[in-house]
Amino acid sequence: MANKKKVSKTKQPKKALADAVFCIVNRGFTDLVMVAARKVGVTGGTVLHARGTGSEQFKKYYGISVTPEKEIVMMIVKSDITDKVLLAVNEAAGLDSPGQGIAFALPVTDYVGTR
């Protein structure tokens, strides 16, 4: 008698309801990020204090000094404005600015607590 292999249904990935945009900047530059983000439709964000690592390697390879004291701005945004938000915060506080920030977005499939 041949072994019958059970086939399980694969779960379809959920569609993203929004995006979580993270912007990591030098300490003291979160206001620039939020002003830029609000101009393109973001209503608010959360700021976390952080400490960067690898500043010596960055200076060695790229020739620029990196401040180890960082702040992270987290924002939940509608997916249709994510690109605008990333461009705006990059222009205001990107690597070519004193904020020396980087920004990225991740899809959000579930969330609660926002209106």
PDB file of N, CA and C in Angstrom:
ATOM      1  N   MET A   1       0.839  -1.153   0.000  1.00  0.00           N
ATOM      2  CA  MET A   1       0.000   0.000   0.000  1.00  0.00           C
ATOM      3  C   MET A   1       0.896   1.231   0.000  1.00  0.00           C
ATOM      4  N   ALA A   2       0.634   2.138  -0.905  1.00  0.00           N
ATOM      5  CA  ALA A   2       1.437   3.347  -1.038  1.00  0.00           C
ATOM      6  C   ALA A   2       1.062   4.357   0.038  1.00  0.00           C
ATOM      7  N   ASN A   3       2.085   5.031   0.511  1.00  0.00           N
ATOM      8  CA  ASN A   3       1.825   6.104   1.481  1.00  0.00           C
ATOM      9  C   ASN A   3       1.174   7.284   0.777  1.00  0.00           C
ATOM     10  N   LYS A   4       0.092   7.751   1.349  1.00  0.00           N
ATOM     11  CA  LYS A   4      -0.548   8.935   0.794  1.00  0.00           C
ATOM     12  C   LYS A   4       0.001  10.149   1.519  1.00  0.00           C
ATOM     13  N   LYS A   5       0.382  11.101   0.713  1.00  0.00           N
ATOM     14  CA  LYS A   5       0.943  12.327   1.257  1.00  0.00           C
ATOM     15  C   LYS A   5      -0.173  13.340   1.477  1.00  0.00           C
ATOM     16  N   LYS A   6      -0.241  13.873   2.670  1.00  0.00           N
ATOM     17  CA  LYS A   6      -1.239  14.896   2.949  1.00  0.00           C
ATOM     18  C   LYS A   6      -0.745  16.231   2.417  1.00  0.00           C
ATOM     19  N   VAL A   7      -1.629  16.920   1.772  1.00  0.00           N
ATOM     20  CA  VAL A   7      -1.302  18.232   1.253  1.00  0.00           C
ATOM     21  C   VAL A   7      -2.025  19.262   2.117  1.00  0.00           C
ATOM     22  N   SER A   8      -1.261  20.152   2.682  1.00  0.00           N
ATOM     23  CA  SER A   8      -1.889  21.183   3.502  1.00  0.00           C
ATOM     24  C   SER A   8      -2.031  22.461   2.689  1.00  0.00           C
ATOM     25  N   LYS A   9      -3.076  23.174   2.977  1.00  0.00           N
ATOM     26  CA  LYS A   9      -3.286  24.446   2.288  1.00  0.00           C
ATOM     27  C   LYS A   9      -2.259  25.451   2.792  1.00  0.00           C
ATOM     28  N   THR A  10      -1.729  26.199   1.872  1.00  0.00           N
ATOM     29  CA  THR A  10      -0.817  27.253   2.290  1.00  0.00           C
ATOM     30  C   THR A  10      -1.629  28.497   2.593  1.00  0.00           C
ATOM     31  N   LYS A  11      -1.237  29.158   3.615  1.00  0.00           N
ATOM     32  CA  LYS A  11      -1.941  30.357   4.033  1.00  0.00           C
ATOM     33  C   LYS A  11      -1.521  31.519   3.147  1.00  0.00           C
ATOM     34  N   GLN A  12      -2.503  32.220   2.611  1.00  0.00           N
ATOM     35  CA  GLN A  12      -2.214  33.383   1.782  1.00  0.00           C
ATOM     36  C   GLN A  12      -1.690  34.511   2.670  1.00  0.00           C
ATOM     37  N   PRO A  13      -0.640  35.180   2.232  1.00  0.00           N
ATOM     38  CA  PRO A  13      -0.155  36.301   3.039  1.00  0.00           C
ATOM     39  C   PRO A  13      -1.198  37.420   3.077  1.00  0.00           C
ATOM     40  N   LYS A  14      -1.285  38.061   4.217  1.00  0.00           N
ATOM     41  CA  LYS A  14      -2.222  39.163   4.359  1.00  0.00           C
ATOM     42  C   LYS A  14      -1.727  40.362   3.576  1.00  0.00           C
ATOM     43  N   LYS A  15      -2.670  41.118   3.058  1.00  0.00           N
ATOM     44  CA  LYS A  15      -2.328  42.342   2.352  1.00  0.00           C
ATOM     45  C   LYS A  15      -1.984  43.416   3.383  1.00  0.00           C
ATOM     46  N   ALA A  16      -0.959  44.187   3.092  1.00  0.00           N
ATOM     47  CA  ALA A  16      -0.548  45.251   4.010  1.00  0.00           C
ATOM     48  C   ALA A  16      -1.633  46.315   4.089  1.00  0.00           C
ATOM     49  N   LEU A  17      -1.990  46.694   5.305  1.00  0.00           N
ATOM     50  CA  LEU A  17      -2.967  47.748   5.532  1.00  0.00           C
ATOM     51  C   LEU A  17      -2.301  49.120   5.529  1.00  0.00           C
ATOM     52  N   ALA A  18      -1.032  49.148   5.860  1.00  0.00           N
ATOM     53  CA  ALA A  18      -0.262  50.383   5.957  1.00  0.00           C
ATOM     54  C   ALA A  18       1.216  50.005   5.945  1.00  0.00           C
ATOM     55  N   ASP A  19       2.063  50.984   6.142  1.00  0.00           N
ATOM     56  CA  ASP A  19       3.493  50.738   6.253  1.00  0.00           C
ATOM     57  C   ASP A  19       4.019  51.375   7.532  1.00  0.00           C
ATOM     58  N   ALA A  20       4.997  50.732   8.126  1.00  0.00           N
ATOM     59  CA  ALA A  20       5.711  51.324   9.258  1.00  0.00           C
ATOM     60  C   ALA A  20       6.978  51.941   8.689  1.00  0.00           C
ATOM     61  N   VAL A  21       7.096  53.250   8.806  1.00  0.00           N
ATOM     62  CA  VAL A  21       8.279  53.952   8.326  1.00  0.00           C
ATOM     63  C   VAL A  21       9.167  54.230   9.536  1.00  0.00           C
ATOM     64  N   PHE A  22      10.422  53.850   9.413  1.00  0.00           N
ATOM     65  CA  PHE A  22      11.415  54.073  10.463  1.00  0.00           C
ATOM     66  C   PHE A  22      12.462  55.033   9.916  1.00  0.00           C
ATOM     67  N   CYS A  23      12.781  56.046  10.669  1.00  0.00           N
ATOM     68  CA  CYS A  23      13.825  56.981  10.273  1.00  0.00           C
ATOM     69  C   CYS A  23      14.804  57.101  11.437  1.00  0.00           C
ATOM     70  N   ILE A  24      16.050  56.727  11.208  1.00  0.00           N
ATOM     71  CA  ILE A  24      17.092  56.764  12.236  1.00  0.00           C
ATOM     72  C   ILE A  24      17.974  57.967  11.948  1.00  0.00           C
ATOM     73  N   VAL A  25      18.023  58.903  12.895  1.00  0.00           N
ATOM     74  CA  VAL A  25      18.776  60.142  12.706  1.00  0.00           C
ATOM     75  C   VAL A  25      19.662  60.423  13.918  1.00  0.00           C
ATOM     76  N   ASN A  26      20.618  61.328  13.716  1.00  0.00           N
ATOM     77  CA  ASN A  26      21.421  61.790  14.850  1.00  0.00           C
ATOM     78  C   ASN A  26      20.495  62.450  15.867  1.00  0.00           C
ATOM     79  N   ARG A  27      20.866  62.347  17.112  1.00  0.00           N
ATOM     80  CA  ARG A  27      20.054  62.908  18.194  1.00  0.00           C
ATOM     81  C   ARG A  27      19.826  64.403  17.968  1.00  0.00           C
ATOM     82  N   GLY A  28      18.556  64.818  18.139  1.00  0.00           N
ATOM     83  CA  GLY A  28      18.213  66.222  18.003  1.00  0.00           C
ATOM     84  C   GLY A  28      17.618  66.603  16.658  1.00  0.00           C
ATOM     85  N   PHE A  29      17.482  65.642  15.743  1.00  0.00           N
ATOM     86  CA  PHE A  29      16.988  65.952  14.405  1.00  0.00           C
ATOM     87  C   PHE A  29      15.605  65.370  14.109  1.00  0.00           C
ATOM     88  N   THR A  30      14.922  64.889  15.140  1.00  0.00           N
ATOM     89  CA  THR A  30      13.604  64.283  14.901  1.00  0.00           C
ATOM     90  C   THR A  30      12.555  65.314  14.500  1.00  0.00           C
ATOM     91  N   ASP A  31      12.706  66.555  14.952  1.00  0.00           N
ATOM     92  CA  ASP A  31      11.752  67.587  14.541  1.00  0.00           C
ATOM     93  C   ASP A  31      11.785  67.804  13.032  1.00  0.00           C
ATOM     94  N   LEU A  32      12.979  67.767  12.446  1.00  0.00           N
ATOM     95  CA  LEU A  32      13.091  67.902  10.987  1.00  0.00           C
ATOM     96  C   LEU A  32      12.344  66.784  10.279  1.00  0.00           C
ATOM     97  N   VAL A  33      12.472  65.577  10.811  1.00  0.00           N
ATOM     98  CA  VAL A  33      11.801  64.417  10.229  1.00  0.00           C
ATOM     99  C   VAL A  33      10.287  64.593  10.304  1.00  0.00           C
ATOM    100  N   MET A  34       9.776  64.955  11.468  1.00  0.00           N
ATOM    101  CA  MET A  34       8.331  65.070  11.638  1.00  0.00           C
ATOM    102  C   MET A  34       7.743  66.231  10.855  1.00  0.00           C
ATOM    103  N   VAL A  35       8.435  67.354  10.750  1.00  0.00           N
ATOM    104  CA  VAL A  35       7.940  68.478   9.947  1.00  0.00           C
ATOM    105  C   VAL A  35       7.816  68.042   8.490  1.00  0.00           C
ATOM    106  N   ALA A  36       8.827  67.366   7.980  1.00  0.00           N
ATOM    107  CA  ALA A  36       8.802  66.890   6.591  1.00  0.00           C
ATOM    108  C   ALA A  36       7.694  65.863   6.384  1.00  0.00           C
ATOM    109  N   ALA A  37       7.549  64.939   7.323  1.00  0.00           N
ATOM    110  CA  ALA A  37       6.535  63.889   7.203  1.00  0.00           C
ATOM    111  C   ALA A  37       5.122  64.473   7.270  1.00  0.00           C
ATOM    112  N   ARG A  38       4.907  65.441   8.141  1.00  0.00           N
ATOM    113  CA  ARG A  38       3.578  66.065   8.253  1.00  0.00           C
ATOM    114  C   ARG A  38       3.194  66.792   6.972  1.00  0.00           C
ATOM    115  N   LYS A  39       4.171  67.376   6.283  1.00  0.00           N
ATOM    116  CA  LYS A  39       3.896  68.093   5.031  1.00  0.00           C
ATOM    117  C   LYS A  39       3.322  67.175   3.958  1.00  0.00           C
ATOM    118  N   VAL A  40       3.608  65.868   4.049  1.00  0.00           N
ATOM    119  CA  VAL A  40       3.098  64.927   3.035  1.00  0.00           C
ATOM    120  C   VAL A  40       1.982  64.036   3.577  1.00  0.00           C
ATOM    121  N   GLY A  41       1.445  64.376   4.767  1.00  0.00           N
ATOM    122  CA  GLY A  41       0.257  63.689   5.229  1.00  0.00           C
ATOM    123  C   GLY A  41       0.350  62.823   6.458  1.00  0.00           C
ATOM    124  N   VAL A  42       1.505  62.727   7.089  1.00  0.00           N
ATOM    125  CA  VAL A  42       1.639  61.922   8.305  1.00  0.00           C
ATOM    126  C   VAL A  42       1.072  62.716   9.477  1.00  0.00           C
ATOM    127  N   THR A  43       0.326  62.054  10.352  1.00  0.00           N
ATOM    128  CA  THR A  43      -0.293  62.754  11.469  1.00  0.00           C
ATOM    129  C   THR A  43       0.510  62.690  12.758  1.00  0.00           C
ATOM    130  N   GLY A  44       1.391  61.725  12.905  1.00  0.00           N
ATOM    131  CA  GLY A  44       2.178  61.629  14.131  1.00  0.00           C
ATOM    132  C   GLY A  44       3.209  60.529  14.058  1.00  0.00           C
ATOM    133  N   GLY A  45       4.029  60.459  15.077  1.00  0.00           N
ATOM    134  CA  GLY A  45       5.064  59.439  15.132  1.00  0.00           C
ATOM    135  C   GLY A  45       5.508  59.229  16.562  1.00  0.00           C
ATOM    136  N   THR A  46       6.345  58.247  16.760  1.00  0.00           N
ATOM    137  CA  THR A  46       6.900  57.929  18.073  1.00  0.00           C
ATOM    138  C   THR A  46       8.416  57.994  17.977  1.00  0.00           C
ATOM    139  N   VAL A  47       9.043  58.627  18.955  1.00  0.00           N
ATOM    140  CA  VAL A  47      10.495  58.777  18.959  1.00  0.00           C
ATOM    141  C   VAL A  47      11.092  57.883  20.034  1.00  0.00           C
ATOM    142  N   LEU A  48      12.086  57.111  19.642  1.00  0.00           N
ATOM    143  CA  LEU A  48      12.842  56.263  20.570  1.00  0.00           C
ATOM    144  C   LEU A  48      14.280  56.752  20.608  1.00  0.00           C
ATOM    145  N   HIS A  49      14.874  56.736  21.787  1.00  0.00           N
ATOM    146  CA  HIS A  49      16.288  57.075  21.904  1.00  0.00           C
ATOM    147  C   HIS A  49      17.103  55.806  21.670  1.00  0.00           C
ATOM    148  N   ALA A  50      18.216  55.956  20.958  1.00  0.00           N
ATOM    149  CA  ALA A  50      19.023  54.789  20.611  1.00  0.00           C
ATOM    150  C   ALA A  50      20.504  55.170  20.587  1.00  0.00           C
ATOM    151  N   ARG A  51      21.328  54.154  20.486  1.00  0.00           N
ATOM    152  CA  ARG A  51      22.763  54.358  20.381  1.00  0.00           C
ATOM    153  C   ARG A  51      23.266  53.531  19.227  1.00  0.00           C
ATOM    154  N   GLY A  52      23.941  54.167  18.289  1.00  0.00           N
ATOM    155  CA  GLY A  52      24.470  53.466  17.131  1.00  0.00           C
ATOM    156  C   GLY A  52      25.761  52.743  17.451  1.00  0.00           C
ATOM    157  N   THR A  53      26.064  51.748  16.641  1.00  0.00           N
ATOM    158  CA  THR A  53      27.331  51.037  16.757  1.00  0.00           C
ATOM    159  C   THR A  53      28.022  51.084  15.402  1.00  0.00           C
ATOM    160  N   GLY A  54      29.285  50.842  15.388  1.00  0.00           N
ATOM    161  CA  GLY A  54      30.001  50.780  14.120  1.00  0.00           C
ATOM    162  C   GLY A  54      30.444  52.126  13.586  1.00  0.00           C
ATOM    163  N   SER A  55      30.453  53.165  14.420  1.00  0.00           N
ATOM    164  CA  SER A  55      30.818  54.494  13.928  1.00  0.00           C
ATOM    165  C   SER A  55      32.273  54.547  13.462  1.00  0.00           C
ATOM    166  N   GLU A  56      33.147  53.801  14.096  1.00  0.00           N
ATOM    167  CA  GLU A  56      34.556  53.792  13.672  1.00  0.00           C
ATOM    168  C   GLU A  56      34.717  53.156  12.285  1.00  0.00           C
ATOM    169  N   GLN A  57      33.986  52.059  12.041  1.00  0.00           N
ATOM    170  CA  GLN A  57      34.066  51.416  10.731  1.00  0.00           C
ATOM    171  C   GLN A  57      33.528  52.347   9.649  1.00  0.00           C
ATOM    172  N   PHE A  58      32.461  53.059   9.958  1.00  0.00           N
ATOM    173  CA  PHE A  58      31.864  53.983   8.995  1.00  0.00           C
ATOM    174  C   PHE A  58      32.858  55.075   8.634  1.00  0.00           C
ATOM    175  N   LYS A  59      33.527  55.622   9.642  1.00  0.00           N
ATOM    176  CA  LYS A  59      34.511  56.673   9.403  1.00  0.00           C
ATOM    177  C   LYS A  59      35.677  56.134   8.584  1.00  0.00           C
ATOM    178  N   LYS A  60      36.104  54.929   8.887  1.00  0.00           N
ATOM    179  CA  LYS A  60      37.239  54.321   8.192  1.00  0.00           C
ATOM    180  C   LYS A  60      36.932  54.095   6.717  1.00  0.00           C
ATOM    181  N   TYR A  61      35.735  53.540   6.411  1.00  0.00           N
ATOM    182  CA  TYR A  61      35.415  53.172   5.033  1.00  0.00           C
ATOM    183  C   TYR A  61      34.792  54.291   4.219  1.00  0.00           C
ATOM    184  N   TYR A  62      34.022  55.162   4.865  1.00  0.00           N
ATOM    185  CA  TYR A  62      33.300  56.183   4.107  1.00  0.00           C
ATOM    186  C   TYR A  62      33.827  57.598   4.332  1.00  0.00           C
ATOM    187  N   GLY A  63      34.724  57.756   5.305  1.00  0.00           N
ATOM    188  CA  GLY A  63      35.333  59.052   5.534  1.00  0.00           C
ATOM    189  C   GLY A  63      34.438  60.076   6.213  1.00  0.00           C
ATOM    190  N   ILE A  64      33.327  59.627   6.787  1.00  0.00           N
ATOM    191  CA  ILE A  64      32.466  60.567   7.503  1.00  0.00           C
ATOM    192  C   ILE A  64      32.292  60.094   8.941  1.00  0.00           C
ATOM    193  N   SER A  65      32.147  61.066   9.811  1.00  0.00           N
ATOM    194  CA  SER A  65      31.953  60.761  11.220  1.00  0.00           C
ATOM    195  C   SER A  65      30.477  60.490  11.485  1.00  0.00           C
ATOM    196  N   VAL A  66      30.207  59.489  12.299  1.00  0.00           N
ATOM    197  CA  VAL A  66      28.837  59.127  12.629  1.00  0.00           C
ATOM    198  C   VAL A  66      28.634  59.317  14.129  1.00  0.00           C
ATOM    199  N   THR A  67      27.619  60.101  14.482  1.00  0.00           N
ATOM    200  CA  THR A  67      27.307  60.335  15.887  1.00  0.00           C
ATOM    201  C   THR A  67      26.662  59.090  16.475  1.00  0.00           C
ATOM    202  N   PRO A  68      27.200  58.555  17.589  1.00  0.00           N
ATOM    203  CA  PRO A  68      26.624  57.327  18.138  1.00  0.00           C
ATOM    204  C   PRO A  68      25.257  57.519  18.802  1.00  0.00           C
ATOM    205  N   GLU A  69      24.933  58.740  19.277  1.00  0.00           N
ATOM    206  CA  GLU A  69      23.632  58.984  19.891  1.00  0.00           C
ATOM    207  C   GLU A  69      22.603  59.191  18.789  1.00  0.00           C
ATOM    208  N   LYS A  70      21.611  58.318  18.748  1.00  0.00           N
ATOM    209  CA  LYS A  70      20.608  58.327  17.682  1.00  0.00           C
ATOM    210  C   LYS A  70      19.214  58.464  18.261  1.00  0.00           C
ATOM    211  N   GLU A  71      18.279  58.786  17.371  1.00  0.00           N
ATOM    212  CA  GLU A  71      16.856  58.748  17.682  1.00  0.00           C
ATOM    213  C   GLU A  71      16.167  58.078  16.502  1.00  0.00           C
ATOM    214  N   ILE A  72      15.139  57.308  16.805  1.00  0.00           N
ATOM    215  CA  ILE A  72      14.381  56.605  15.776  1.00  0.00           C
ATOM    216  C   ILE A  72      12.956  57.138  15.790  1.00  0.00           C
ATOM    217  N   VAL A  73      12.514  57.609  14.636  1.00  0.00           N
ATOM    218  CA  VAL A  73      11.132  58.054  14.499  1.00  0.00           C
ATOM    219  C   VAL A  73      10.383  56.923  13.815  1.00  0.00           C
ATOM    220  N   MET A  74       9.305  56.457  14.462  1.00  0.00           N
ATOM    221  CA  MET A  74       8.465  55.400  13.894  1.00  0.00           C
ATOM    222  C   MET A  74       7.114  56.008  13.554  1.00  0.00           C
ATOM    223  N   MET A  75       6.631  55.726  12.327  1.00  0.00           N
ATOM    224  CA  MET A  75       5.351  56.259  11.884  1.00  0.00           C
ATOM    225  C   MET A  75       4.580  55.166  11.154  1.00  0.00           C
ATOM    226  N   ILE A  76       3.285  55.067  11.421  1.00  0.00           N
ATOM    227  CA  ILE A  76       2.417  54.184  10.647  1.00  0.00           C
ATOM    228  C   ILE A  76       1.751  55.069   9.605  1.00  0.00           C
ATOM    229  N   VAL A  77       1.953  54.754   8.331  1.00  0.00           N
ATOM    230  CA  VAL A  77       1.425  55.607   7.261  1.00  0.00           C
ATOM    231  C   VAL A  77       0.644  54.774   6.253  1.00  0.00           C
ATOM    232  N   LYS A  78      -0.284  55.423   5.571  1.00  0.00           N
ATOM    233  CA  LYS A  78      -1.016  54.757   4.499  1.00  0.00           C
ATOM    234  C   LYS A  78      -0.031  54.395   3.402  1.00  0.00           C
ATOM    235  N   SER A  79      -0.185  53.209   2.851  1.00  0.00           N
ATOM    236  CA  SER A  79       0.761  52.718   1.846  1.00  0.00           C
ATOM    237  C   SER A  79       0.882  53.629   0.634  1.00  0.00           C
ATOM    238  N   ASP A  80      -0.189  54.341   0.312  1.00  0.00           N
ATOM    239  CA  ASP A  80      -0.144  55.185  -0.885  1.00  0.00           C
ATOM    240  C   ASP A  80       0.716  56.446  -0.710  1.00  0.00           C
ATOM    241  N   ILE A  81       1.132  56.774   0.528  1.00  0.00           N
ATOM    242  CA  ILE A  81       2.017  57.931   0.712  1.00  0.00           C
ATOM    243  C   ILE A  81       3.411  57.548   1.202  1.00  0.00           C
ATOM    244  N   THR A  82       3.678  56.270   1.325  1.00  0.00           N
ATOM    245  CA  THR A  82       4.979  55.819   1.850  1.00  0.00           C
ATOM    246  C   THR A  82       6.148  56.397   1.059  1.00  0.00           C
ATOM    247  N   ASP A  83       6.079  56.334  -0.266  1.00  0.00           N
ATOM    248  CA  ASP A  83       7.185  56.862  -1.077  1.00  0.00           C
ATOM    249  C   ASP A  83       7.393  58.356  -0.836  1.00  0.00           C
ATOM    250  N   LYS A  84       6.295  59.108  -0.724  1.00  0.00           N
ATOM    251  CA  LYS A  84       6.390  60.547  -0.466  1.00  0.00           C
ATOM    252  C   LYS A  84       7.037  60.812   0.891  1.00  0.00           C
ATOM    253  N   VAL A  85       6.675  60.005   1.887  1.00  0.00           N
ATOM    254  CA  VAL A  85       7.236  60.170   3.225  1.00  0.00           C
ATOM    255  C   VAL A  85       8.733  59.887   3.203  1.00  0.00           C
ATOM    256  N   LEU A  86       9.135  58.787   2.578  1.00  0.00           N
ATOM    257  CA  LEU A  86      10.561  58.441   2.517  1.00  0.00           C
ATOM    258  C   LEU A  86      11.364  59.525   1.809  1.00  0.00           C
ATOM    259  N   LEU A  87      10.849  60.035   0.705  1.00  0.00           N
ATOM    260  CA  LEU A  87      11.558  61.097  -0.022  1.00  0.00           C
ATOM    261  C   LEU A  87      11.642  62.374   0.808  1.00  0.00           C
ATOM    262  N   ALA A  88      10.549  62.728   1.491  1.00  0.00           N
ATOM    263  CA  ALA A  88      10.530  63.955   2.284  1.00  0.00           C
ATOM    264  C   ALA A  88      11.504  63.889   3.456  1.00  0.00           C
ATOM    265  N   VAL A  89      11.509  62.777   4.188  1.00  0.00           N
ATOM    266  CA  VAL A  89      12.418  62.691   5.336  1.00  0.00           C
ATOM    267  C   VAL A  89      13.871  62.569   4.877  1.00  0.00           C
ATOM    268  N   ASN A  90      14.104  61.966   3.737  1.00  0.00           N
ATOM    269  CA  ASN A  90      15.467  61.893   3.203  1.00  0.00           C
ATOM    270  C   ASN A  90      15.968  63.285   2.826  1.00  0.00           C
ATOM    271  N   GLU A  91      15.101  64.079   2.223  1.00  0.00           N
ATOM    272  CA  GLU A  91      15.493  65.435   1.845  1.00  0.00           C
ATOM    273  C   GLU A  91      15.763  66.295   3.079  1.00  0.00           C
ATOM    274  N   ALA A  92      14.949  66.129   4.115  1.00  0.00           N
ATOM    275  CA  ALA A  92      15.089  66.949   5.321  1.00  0.00           C
ATOM    276  C   ALA A  92      16.233  66.512   6.222  1.00  0.00           C
ATOM    277  N   ALA A  93      16.444  65.208   6.353  1.00  0.00           N
ATOM    278  CA  ALA A  93      17.408  64.722   7.350  1.00  0.00           C
ATOM    279  C   ALA A  93      18.175  63.500   6.877  1.00  0.00           C
ATOM    280  N   GLY A  94      18.411  63.383   5.578  1.00  0.00           N
ATOM    281  CA  GLY A  94      19.110  62.222   5.021  1.00  0.00           C
ATOM    282  C   GLY A  94      20.607  62.240   5.284  1.00  0.00           C
ATOM    283  N   LEU A  95      21.309  61.297   4.709  1.00  0.00           N
ATOM    284  CA  LEU A  95      22.752  61.148   4.940  1.00  0.00           C
ATOM    285  C   LEU A  95      23.547  62.389   4.550  1.00  0.00           C
ATOM    286  N   ASP A  96      23.044  63.170   3.597  1.00  0.00           N
ATOM    287  CA  ASP A  96      23.766  64.368   3.169  1.00  0.00           C
ATOM    288  C   ASP A  96      23.450  65.588   4.019  1.00  0.00           C
ATOM    289  N   SER A  97      22.755  65.396   5.116  1.00  0.00           N
ATOM    290  CA  SER A  97      22.393  66.495   6.010  1.00  0.00           C
ATOM    291  C   SER A  97      23.066  66.275   7.366  1.00  0.00           C
ATOM    292  N   PRO A  98      23.027  67.272   8.243  1.00  0.00           N
ATOM    293  CA  PRO A  98      23.570  67.071   9.591  1.00  0.00           C
ATOM    294  C   PRO A  98      22.864  65.953  10.370  1.00  0.00           C
ATOM    295  N   GLY A  99      21.615  65.660  10.023  1.00  0.00           N
ATOM    296  CA  GLY A  99      20.892  64.577  10.684  1.00  0.00           C
ATOM    297  C   GLY A  99      21.425  63.202  10.339  1.00  0.00           C
ATOM    298  N   GLN A 100      22.109  63.093   9.202  1.00  0.00           N
ATOM    299  CA  GLN A 100      22.701  61.847   8.712  1.00  0.00           C
ATOM    300  C   GLN A 100      21.759  60.659   8.885  1.00  0.00           C
ATOM    301  N   GLY A 101      20.512  60.840   8.456  1.00  0.00           N
ATOM    302  CA  GLY A 101      19.502  59.818   8.680  1.00  0.00           C
ATOM    303  C   GLY A 101      19.364  58.809   7.559  1.00  0.00           C
ATOM    304  N   ILE A 102      18.837  57.660   7.931  1.00  0.00           N
ATOM    305  CA  ILE A 102      18.414  56.655   6.965  1.00  0.00           C
ATOM    306  C   ILE A 102      16.951  56.342   7.274  1.00  0.00           C
ATOM    307  N   ALA A 103      16.216  55.967   6.251  1.00  0.00           N
ATOM    308  CA  ALA A 103      14.803  55.653   6.446  1.00  0.00           C
ATOM    309  C   ALA A 103      14.457  54.409   5.650  1.00  0.00           C
ATOM    310  N   PHE A 104      13.513  53.637   6.187  1.00  0.00           N
ATOM    311  CA  PHE A 104      13.026  52.459   5.477  1.00  0.00           C
ATOM    312  C   PHE A 104      11.598  52.188   5.913  1.00  0.00           C
ATOM    313  N   ALA A 105      10.910  51.373   5.131  1.00  0.00           N
ATOM    314  CA  ALA A 105       9.515  51.052   5.429  1.00  0.00           C
ATOM    315  C   ALA A 105       9.312  49.548   5.421  1.00  0.00           C
ATOM    316  N   LEU A 106       8.416  49.095   6.277  1.00  0.00           N
ATOM    317  CA  LEU A 106       8.037  47.688   6.350  1.00  0.00           C
ATOM    318  C   LEU A 106       6.512  47.596   6.279  1.00  0.00           C
ATOM    319  N   PRO A 107       5.985  46.575   5.602  1.00  0.00           N
ATOM    320  CA  PRO A 107       4.530  46.444   5.518  1.00  0.00           C
ATOM    321  C   PRO A 107       3.920  46.071   6.868  1.00  0.00           C
ATOM    322  N   VAL A 108       2.745  46.612   7.132  1.00  0.00           N
ATOM    323  CA  VAL A 108       2.006  46.330   8.363  1.00  0.00           C
ATOM    324  C   VAL A 108       0.701  45.657   7.969  1.00  0.00           C
ATOM    325  N   THR A 109       0.504  44.431   8.445  1.00  0.00           N
ATOM    326  CA  THR A 109      -0.712  43.695   8.088  1.00  0.00           C
ATOM    327  C   THR A 109      -1.801  43.810   9.146  1.00  0.00           C
ATOM    328  N   ASP A 110      -1.436  44.081  10.373  1.00  0.00           N
ATOM    329  CA  ASP A 110      -2.393  44.211  11.463  1.00  0.00           C
ATOM    330  C   ASP A 110      -1.929  45.296  12.407  1.00  0.00           C
ATOM    331  N   TYR A 111      -2.852  46.085  12.898  1.00  0.00           N
ATOM    332  CA  TYR A 111      -2.518  47.035  13.951  1.00  0.00           C
ATOM    333  C   TYR A 111      -3.805  47.503  14.639  1.00  0.00           C
ATOM    334  N   VAL A 112      -3.648  48.003  15.835  1.00  0.00           N
ATOM    335  CA  VAL A 112      -4.749  48.559  16.602  1.00  0.00           C
ATOM    336  C   VAL A 112      -4.271  49.846  17.252  1.00  0.00           C
ATOM    337  N   GLY A 113      -5.205  50.664  17.688  1.00  0.00           N
ATOM    338  CA  GLY A 113      -4.849  51.841  18.444  1.00  0.00           C
ATOM    339  C   GLY A 113      -4.683  53.103  17.647  1.00  0.00           C
ATOM    340  N   THR A 114      -4.992  53.090  16.356  1.00  0.00           N
ATOM    341  CA  THR A 114      -4.943  54.320  15.569  1.00  0.00           C
ATOM    342  C   THR A 114      -6.312  54.568  14.981  1.00  0.00           C
ATOM    343  N   ARG A 115      -6.535  55.789  14.567  1.00  0.00           N
ATOM    344  CA  ARG A 115      -7.847  56.155  14.016  1.00  0.00           C
ATOM    345  C   ARG A 115      -7.790  56.283  12.527  1.00  0.00           C
TER     346      ARG A 115
END
